[in-house]
Amino acid sequence: MNTIIFDFDRIGTEEDFYKTAVKQLALPEFFGNNLDALYDVLTGAIELPVTIRFVNLSLGQLEKFDAIIAVFEDAAAALEDALIFEYYLQKP
């Protein structure tokens, strides 16, 4: 199973996240940089099976990116074992 890591030490804005997602997930050129498009590509356009990890999230980022995290959680629930999503907070 392939593992893709999003390091939130390097992601500060939604724009940063989507730029990283396009690279990390090898998203198609038509990707729309929004939550609906993100769900669509997670459930139909990326190579599965995959584990996706968000690492080094601060508490502020956990709140700031809550909608994006929810999309990954929803996609993981829909795809069951084909997509595993995990996130980890920064160590104090």
Protein backbone atom coordinates (compact mmCIF):
# COMPACT_ATOMS: atom_id res chain seq x y z
CA MET A 1 0.00 0.00 0.00
CA ASN A 2 1.30 3.41 -0.98
CA THR A 3 1.67 6.03 1.78
CA ILE A 4 1.34 9.76 1.11
CA ILE A 5 2.37 12.26 3.78
CA PHE A 6 1.23 15.86 4.03
CA ASP A 7 3.62 17.73 6.35
CA PHE A 8 1.76 20.67 7.87
CA ASP A 9 5.03 22.31 8.88
CA ARG A 10 5.03 23.32 5.20
CA ILE A 11 1.30 23.96 4.76
CA GLY A 12 -0.12 27.18 6.15
CA THR A 13 -3.05 28.06 3.92
CA GLU A 14 -5.72 26.26 1.90
CA GLU A 15 -3.87 27.36 -1.23
CA ASP A 16 -0.70 25.69 0.12
CA PHE A 17 -2.72 22.56 0.88
CA TYR A 18 -4.22 22.31 -2.60
CA LYS A 19 -0.84 22.93 -4.29
CA THR A 20 0.62 20.13 -2.17
CA ALA A 21 -2.35 17.86 -2.87
CA VAL A 22 -1.98 18.25 -6.63
CA LYS A 23 1.65 17.13 -6.37
CA GLN A 24 1.32 14.47 -3.67
CA LEU A 25 -1.80 12.81 -5.08
CA ALA A 26 -0.90 13.29 -8.78
CA LEU A 27 -4.25 14.96 -9.38
CA PRO A 28 -5.55 15.62 -12.87
CA GLU A 29 -5.18 19.04 -14.47
CA PHE A 30 -8.92 19.68 -14.18
CA PHE A 31 -8.87 19.45 -10.37
CA GLY A 32 -10.93 22.33 -8.99
CA ASN A 33 -9.21 23.19 -5.67
CA ASN A 34 -12.38 22.88 -3.60
CA LEU A 35 -13.92 20.39 -1.18
CA ASP A 36 -16.29 18.78 -3.70
CA ALA A 37 -13.49 18.27 -6.21
CA LEU A 38 -11.26 16.89 -3.45
CA TYR A 39 -13.86 14.28 -2.48
CA ASP A 40 -14.38 13.34 -6.12
CA VAL A 41 -10.69 12.72 -6.78
CA LEU A 42 -10.19 10.86 -3.51
CA THR A 43 -13.02 8.49 -4.33
CA GLY A 44 -12.42 8.13 -8.04
CA ALA A 45 -9.17 9.48 -9.45
CA ILE A 46 -6.27 8.47 -7.22
CA GLU A 47 -4.43 5.18 -7.17
CA LEU A 48 -5.76 2.87 -4.48
CA PRO A 49 -5.08 1.37 -2.01
CA VAL A 50 -3.41 4.25 -0.22
CA THR A 51 -2.68 5.52 3.26
CA ILE A 52 -2.76 9.30 3.62
CA ARG A 53 -1.23 10.93 6.69
CA PHE A 54 -1.38 14.53 7.81
CA VAL A 55 1.56 15.13 10.15
CA ASN A 56 2.69 18.04 12.32
CA LEU A 57 -0.75 19.64 12.59
CA SER A 58 -0.96 22.40 15.18
CA LEU A 59 -4.17 22.83 17.14
CA GLY A 60 -4.87 25.95 15.08
CA GLN A 61 -4.40 24.03 11.84
CA LEU A 62 -6.64 21.25 13.12
CA GLU A 63 -9.41 23.83 13.38
CA LYS A 64 -8.44 25.73 10.21
CA PHE A 65 -8.39 22.60 8.05
CA ASP A 66 -11.35 20.86 9.71
CA ALA A 67 -13.44 20.80 6.51
CA ILE A 68 -10.57 19.27 4.51
CA ILE A 69 -9.97 16.70 7.25
CA ALA A 70 -13.69 15.85 7.17
CA VAL A 71 -13.51 15.24 3.41
CA PHE A 72 -10.62 12.80 3.89
CA GLU A 73 -12.49 11.06 6.71
CA ASP A 74 -15.64 10.78 4.57
CA ALA A 75 -13.69 9.40 1.62
CA ALA A 76 -11.93 6.88 3.88
CA ALA A 77 -15.29 5.75 5.28
CA ALA A 78 -16.73 5.38 1.76
CA LEU A 79 -13.75 3.43 0.44
CA GLU A 80 -13.20 1.35 3.59
CA ASP A 81 -9.81 -0.38 3.49
CA ALA A 82 -8.81 1.09 0.12
CA LEU A 83 -8.11 4.53 1.66
CA ILE A 84 -6.75 4.87 5.17
CA PHE A 85 -6.59 8.40 6.55
CA GLU A 86 -4.67 9.39 9.69
CA TYR A 87 -3.64 12.70 11.19
CA TYR A 88 -1.14 13.55 13.88
CA LEU A 89 -0.69 16.68 15.96
CA GLN A 90 2.69 18.33 16.48
CA LYS A 91 4.58 17.04 19.47
CA PRO A 92 4.79 19.63 22.27
